[in-house]
Amino acid sequence: MVSRSSRPASPFVSLFDRRMHLTCSGLLLLLASCTPPPSEERIVAFVNGRPISQVEFDAEWNELPDATRARYEKEGGKPRLLSEVITRELLLQEARRQGLDQNDQIRDRARRYKERLMLDELLKDRIKTKIELTKEELDAYYDKHARQLLTPLKVRVAVMLLPNYPAAKDLEKQVNQGGDFGKFAQRYSIDTKTKANGGDMGPYRKDLVAPEVDEVIHQLKPGMTSAPIKTEAGYYLVRITALDPEIIQADLATRERLRQELLNEKRQKRFDDVIADIRAKAVVKIADVSRFGAGDVANR
């Protein structure tokens, strides 16, 4: 018995197989020729036939400020942004359908916005160097506004003025034994300016107290009360305490505000120099100065 696998193939079958192979090969070639070549740019969405490319979408994503991008990542990520891009495209298409892209007012506003962008880019290019402040400049500016700032000695000062040494020495002893400096000052101090406030003079600053007292303040530590200090007015006891954190934070905020003010002054100076340079190379004529008031308008 001859097995099916060993039976010789029919010439007709072999010819049929070859024809089918050629036909299929031809169809495959035809299909391949009809298939459009793969696009070089990936499309992420079509909006009424208008493609939104991956490059276009990635540019939208990369231009987001860091804080905005972080918010998107918490609220849906890139799919959330893509949905908003599609919505914006739909709105733009509707605006064009209504002819708003031909509106003269919108065109004029777009022109002015374009001009502002051009000016920003020009000035950014002309003012390339990063503006920085030296320590000397900043210290000088802080000195100029010293009354707004705390000194490096960040303590609060309280004083008590007594008429004689024995009274001052006795109260020093009582304070060091736990007595309330403020209450003693209200009761016994002869300094009318500070008596009502329990001797409190607020944060330390230069020229706050007499030179003899100021010298002792720099030798004390927060929480300490001085020995009697002899002055022309009498004998002082002085006590210093640490400032509240809120006061120190407020001082840091003031310093940062002053630093930004100085930076803005330097930026304005750089800007003025650039404008002066451009004007120096230009020819500007005002047709009728009287229409704008007195003064050299062209040089402003």
Protein backbone atom coordinates (compact mmCIF):
# COMPACT_ATOMS: atom_id res chain seq x y z
CA MET A 1 0.00 0.00 0.00
CA VAL A 2 1.37 3.30 -1.07
CA SER A 3 1.08 6.10 1.48
CA ARG A 4 -0.48 9.48 0.52
CA SER A 5 2.78 11.26 1.24
CA SER A 6 4.75 9.06 -1.14
CA ARG A 7 2.29 9.39 -4.07
CA PRO A 8 3.83 11.40 -6.96
CA ALA A 9 2.31 14.84 -7.42
CA SER A 10 0.03 15.44 -10.37
CA PRO A 11 1.50 17.68 -13.08
CA PHE A 12 -1.81 19.55 -13.12
CA VAL A 13 -1.62 20.24 -9.38
CA SER A 14 1.97 21.47 -9.63
CA LEU A 15 1.04 23.87 -12.42
CA PHE A 16 -1.98 25.11 -10.44
CA ASP A 17 0.20 25.69 -7.37
CA ARG A 18 2.71 27.69 -9.40
CA ARG A 19 -0.03 29.83 -10.97
CA MET A 20 -1.57 30.50 -7.55
CA HIS A 21 1.82 31.47 -6.20
CA LEU A 22 2.40 33.91 -9.03
CA THR A 23 -1.12 35.32 -8.70
CA CYS A 24 -0.77 35.85 -4.95
CA SER A 25 2.65 37.39 -5.41
CA GLY A 26 1.20 39.77 -7.96
CA LEU A 27 -1.64 40.72 -5.63
CA LEU A 28 0.80 41.34 -2.81
CA LEU A 29 2.89 43.58 -5.03
CA LEU A 30 -0.24 45.41 -6.15
CA LEU A 31 -1.39 45.91 -2.58
CA ALA A 32 2.04 47.07 -1.57
CA SER A 33 2.06 49.60 -4.39
CA CYS A 34 -1.39 50.91 -3.32
CA THR A 35 -0.45 51.30 0.37
CA PRO A 36 0.61 54.89 1.12
CA PRO A 37 4.13 55.26 2.48
CA PRO A 38 4.31 55.64 6.24
CA SER A 39 3.98 59.26 7.29
CA GLU A 40 7.13 60.90 8.59
CA GLU A 41 5.12 62.75 11.23
CA ARG A 42 2.90 60.93 13.69
CA ILE A 43 -0.65 62.28 14.04
CA VAL A 44 -2.26 62.19 17.49
CA ALA A 45 -5.74 63.43 16.49
CA PHE A 46 -7.87 64.69 13.61
CA VAL A 47 -10.32 67.51 14.27
CA ASN A 48 -12.78 67.83 11.40
CA GLY A 49 -10.02 66.53 9.17
CA ARG A 50 -7.37 68.90 10.50
CA PRO A 51 -4.45 66.82 11.84
CA ILE A 52 -2.77 67.55 15.16
CA SER A 53 0.75 66.16 14.95
CA GLN A 54 2.82 64.64 17.71
CA VAL A 55 5.37 67.42 17.20
CA GLU A 56 2.69 70.07 17.58
CA PHE A 57 1.30 68.43 20.73
CA ASP A 58 4.76 67.92 22.26
CA ALA A 59 5.50 71.62 21.72
CA GLU A 60 2.30 72.49 23.63
CA TRP A 61 3.35 70.20 26.50
CA ASN A 62 6.93 71.44 26.66
CA GLU A 63 5.90 75.09 26.67
CA LEU A 64 3.80 74.66 29.82
CA PRO A 65 5.24 76.32 32.94
CA ASP A 66 6.54 73.79 35.46
CA ALA A 67 3.71 74.46 37.92
CA THR A 68 1.05 74.07 35.21
CA ARG A 69 2.63 70.86 33.91
CA ALA A 70 2.67 69.45 37.45
CA ARG A 71 -1.05 70.26 37.78
CA TYR A 72 -1.80 68.46 34.51
CA GLU A 73 0.16 65.43 35.66
CA LYS A 74 -2.04 65.25 38.76
CA GLU A 75 -5.27 65.75 36.82
CA GLY A 76 -4.94 63.40 33.87
CA GLY A 77 -1.60 64.15 32.29
CA LYS A 78 -1.17 64.44 28.53
CA PRO A 79 -4.63 63.04 27.66
CA ARG A 80 -6.14 65.95 29.61
CA LEU A 81 -4.05 68.47 27.66
CA LEU A 82 -4.88 66.77 24.35
CA SER A 83 -8.58 67.11 25.13
CA GLU A 84 -8.10 70.84 25.72
CA VAL A 85 -6.05 71.23 22.53
CA ILE A 86 -8.88 69.56 20.59
CA THR A 87 -11.44 71.85 22.23
CA ARG A 88 -9.37 74.89 21.32
CA GLU A 89 -9.06 73.71 17.71
CA LEU A 90 -12.84 73.23 17.50
CA LEU A 91 -13.38 76.76 18.80
CA LEU A 92 -10.84 78.17 16.33
CA GLN A 93 -12.53 76.37 13.46
CA GLU A 94 -15.88 77.79 14.51
CA ALA A 95 -14.35 81.28 14.80
CA ARG A 96 -12.97 80.99 11.27
CA ARG A 97 -16.33 79.69 10.02
CA GLN A 98 -17.89 82.87 11.36
CA GLY A 99 -15.23 84.96 9.62
CA LEU A 100 -13.59 86.28 12.79
CA ASP A 101 -10.15 85.74 11.29
CA GLN A 102 -11.05 88.48 8.80
CA ASN A 103 -12.22 90.92 11.49
CA ASP A 104 -10.28 94.20 11.22
CA GLN A 105 -10.24 94.83 14.97
CA ILE A 106 -8.87 91.37 15.67
CA ARG A 107 -6.26 91.77 12.94
CA ASP A 108 -5.18 95.10 14.44
CA ARG A 109 -4.90 93.64 17.93
CA ALA A 110 -2.95 90.68 16.54
CA ARG A 111 -0.57 93.09 14.78
CA ARG A 112 0.03 95.05 18.00
CA TYR A 113 0.60 91.83 19.94
CA LYS A 114 3.08 90.67 17.29
CA GLU A 115 4.91 93.99 17.58
CA ARG A 116 5.15 93.62 21.37
CA LEU A 117 6.60 90.13 20.93
CA MET A 118 9.15 91.50 18.46
CA LEU A 119 10.14 94.26 20.89
CA ASP A 120 10.45 91.79 23.75
CA GLU A 121 12.68 89.57 21.64
CA LEU A 122 14.79 92.52 20.50
CA LEU A 123 15.34 93.80 24.02
CA LYS A 124 15.99 90.30 25.34
CA ASP A 125 18.67 89.94 22.69
CA ARG A 126 20.18 93.36 23.45
CA ILE A 127 20.11 92.78 27.20
CA LYS A 128 21.65 89.32 27.16
CA THR A 129 23.95 89.64 30.15
CA LYS A 130 22.35 88.42 33.36
CA ILE A 131 22.01 91.29 35.81
CA GLU A 132 23.54 90.45 39.16
CA LEU A 133 24.19 92.34 42.37
CA THR A 134 27.52 92.42 44.14
CA LYS A 135 27.64 92.11 47.91
CA GLU A 136 28.98 95.65 48.09
CA GLU A 137 26.04 97.02 46.08
CA LEU A 138 23.49 95.15 48.17
CA ASP A 139 25.08 96.12 51.49
CA ALA A 140 25.14 99.78 50.43
CA TYR A 141 21.46 99.59 49.46
CA TYR A 142 20.59 97.97 52.79
CA ASP A 143 22.51 100.73 54.62
CA LYS A 144 20.51 103.30 52.68
CA HIS A 145 17.30 101.73 54.01
CA ALA A 146 18.66 100.76 57.42
CA ARG A 147 15.63 102.06 59.31
CA GLN A 148 13.48 99.42 57.60
CA LEU A 149 15.77 96.55 58.63
CA LEU A 150 16.92 94.69 61.67
CA THR A 151 20.58 94.85 62.56
CA PRO A 152 22.70 91.70 62.69
CA LEU A 153 22.11 91.81 66.48
CA LYS A 154 18.57 90.44 66.31
CA VAL A 155 17.38 90.99 69.88
CA ARG A 156 14.67 92.93 71.68
CA VAL A 157 15.79 95.56 74.19
CA ALA A 158 14.18 96.57 77.48
CA VAL A 159 15.62 99.14 79.88
CA MET A 160 15.01 100.38 83.38
CA LEU A 161 16.42 103.72 84.62
CA LEU A 162 17.03 104.13 88.35
CA PRO A 163 18.10 107.27 90.20
CA ASN A 164 21.05 105.71 92.07
CA TYR A 165 23.34 102.71 92.19
CA PRO A 166 21.87 100.98 95.30
CA ALA A 167 18.35 101.00 93.79
CA ALA A 168 19.66 99.65 90.50
CA LYS A 169 21.74 96.95 92.24
CA ASP A 170 18.78 95.85 94.36
CA LEU A 171 16.48 95.52 91.35
CA GLU A 172 19.18 93.67 89.38
CA LYS A 173 19.29 91.11 92.18
CA GLN A 174 15.51 90.72 92.27
CA VAL A 175 15.28 90.27 88.48
CA ASN A 176 18.02 87.64 88.55
CA GLN A 177 16.08 85.81 91.26
CA GLY A 178 13.06 85.58 88.99
CA GLY A 179 11.43 88.97 89.32
CA ASP A 180 9.49 90.40 86.37
CA PHE A 181 11.68 93.01 84.65
CA GLY A 182 8.71 94.63 82.92
CA LYS A 183 6.67 95.08 86.09
CA PHE A 184 9.65 96.48 87.98
CA ALA A 185 10.26 98.94 85.12
CA GLN A 186 6.64 100.08 85.19
CA ARG A 187 6.85 100.64 88.93
CA TYR A 188 10.35 101.99 89.55
CA SER A 189 11.86 103.29 86.27
CA ILE A 190 12.25 107.06 85.95
CA ASP A 191 12.51 106.87 82.14
CA THR A 192 9.16 108.36 81.13
CA LYS A 193 9.52 107.24 77.50
CA THR A 194 9.71 103.52 78.27
CA LYS A 195 8.12 103.22 81.72
CA ALA A 196 4.56 102.57 80.53
CA ASN A 197 5.72 99.74 78.24
CA GLY A 198 7.67 97.99 80.97
CA GLY A 199 10.92 99.34 79.56
CA ASP A 200 10.37 97.68 76.15
CA MET A 201 12.15 99.53 73.31
CA GLY A 202 11.48 97.01 70.56
CA PRO A 203 14.10 95.40 68.28
CA TYR A 204 17.65 96.67 68.67
CA ARG A 205 18.86 99.27 66.21
CA LYS A 206 21.74 101.67 65.98
CA ASP A 207 21.49 104.76 68.24
CA LEU A 208 18.60 103.20 70.15
CA VAL A 209 20.21 103.84 73.55
CA ALA A 210 23.06 105.83 75.10
CA PRO A 211 26.56 104.74 74.00
CA GLU A 212 27.38 103.31 77.46
CA VAL A 213 24.26 101.12 77.36
CA ASP A 214 24.82 100.17 73.71
CA GLU A 215 28.28 98.84 74.54
CA VAL A 216 26.88 96.57 77.25
CA ILE A 217 24.07 95.29 74.99
CA HIS A 218 26.67 93.83 72.63
CA GLN A 219 28.17 91.86 75.50
CA LEU A 220 24.91 90.30 76.72
CA LYS A 221 23.22 87.13 75.61
CA PRO A 222 19.44 86.81 75.15
CA GLY A 223 17.71 86.39 78.52
CA MET A 224 20.46 88.18 80.45
CA THR A 225 20.07 91.34 82.52
CA SER A 226 23.01 93.71 82.87
CA ALA A 227 24.62 95.07 86.00
CA PRO A 228 23.88 98.77 86.71
CA ILE A 229 25.23 101.02 83.92
CA LYS A 230 26.17 104.55 84.95
CA THR A 231 25.06 107.35 82.61
CA GLU A 232 24.39 111.09 82.93
CA ALA A 233 20.67 110.32 83.36
CA GLY A 234 21.15 107.75 86.13
CA TYR A 235 21.79 104.01 86.37
CA TYR A 236 20.38 101.72 83.72
CA LEU A 237 19.52 98.06 83.85
CA VAL A 238 19.12 96.54 80.39
CA ARG A 239 17.70 93.20 79.42
CA ILE A 240 17.72 91.60 75.95
CA THR A 241 15.56 88.78 74.64
CA ALA A 242 15.43 86.89 71.36
CA LEU A 243 13.11 88.26 68.69
CA ASP A 244 9.97 86.39 67.72
CA PRO A 245 10.40 84.27 64.55
CA GLU A 246 7.65 86.29 62.84
CA ILE A 247 9.68 89.49 63.22
CA ILE A 248 12.78 87.83 61.76
CA GLN A 249 10.76 86.44 58.83
CA ALA A 250 9.31 89.90 58.18
CA ASP A 251 12.84 91.31 58.11
CA LEU A 252 13.91 88.67 55.59
CA ALA A 253 10.91 89.55 53.43
CA THR A 254 11.85 93.24 53.58
CA ARG A 255 15.42 92.44 52.57
CA GLU A 256 14.18 90.44 49.58
CA ARG A 257 11.89 93.28 48.56
CA LEU A 258 14.79 95.73 48.71
CA ARG A 259 16.98 93.33 46.71
CA GLN A 260 14.33 93.14 43.99
CA GLU A 261 14.04 96.94 43.98
CA LEU A 262 17.77 97.28 43.38
CA LEU A 263 17.68 94.62 40.65
CA ASN A 264 14.85 96.47 38.93
CA GLU A 265 16.82 99.71 39.12
CA LYS A 266 19.77 98.03 37.40
CA ARG A 267 17.49 96.48 34.76
CA GLN A 268 15.95 99.88 34.09
CA LYS A 269 19.41 101.41 33.79
CA ARG A 270 20.41 98.72 31.27
CA PHE A 271 17.18 99.29 29.33
CA ASP A 272 17.71 103.07 29.29
CA ASP A 273 21.26 102.56 27.99
CA VAL A 274 19.99 100.35 25.13
CA ILE A 275 17.31 102.88 24.17
CA ALA A 276 19.83 105.74 24.34
CA ASP A 277 22.17 103.82 22.03
CA ILE A 278 19.39 103.18 19.48
CA ARG A 279 18.23 106.81 19.61
CA ALA A 280 21.79 108.06 19.13
CA LYS A 281 21.95 106.26 15.78
CA ALA A 282 18.51 107.37 14.63
CA VAL A 283 17.10 110.49 12.98
CA VAL A 284 13.84 111.49 14.65
CA LYS A 285 11.80 114.52 13.68
CA ILE A 286 8.55 115.67 15.24
CA ALA A 287 6.36 117.47 12.73
CA ASP A 288 4.55 119.70 15.21
CA VAL A 289 5.97 119.71 18.75
CA SER A 290 3.29 122.13 19.96
CA ARG A 291 0.71 119.37 19.66
CA PHE A 292 2.48 117.38 22.36
CA GLY A 293 3.46 120.16 24.77
CA ALA A 294 6.78 121.76 25.56
CA GLY A 295 10.03 119.87 25.71
CA ASP A 296 12.28 117.94 23.41
CA VAL A 297 9.89 115.08 22.60
CA ALA A 298 12.33 113.41 20.24
CA ASN A 299 14.90 112.89 22.97
CA ARG A 300 12.56 111.51 25.60
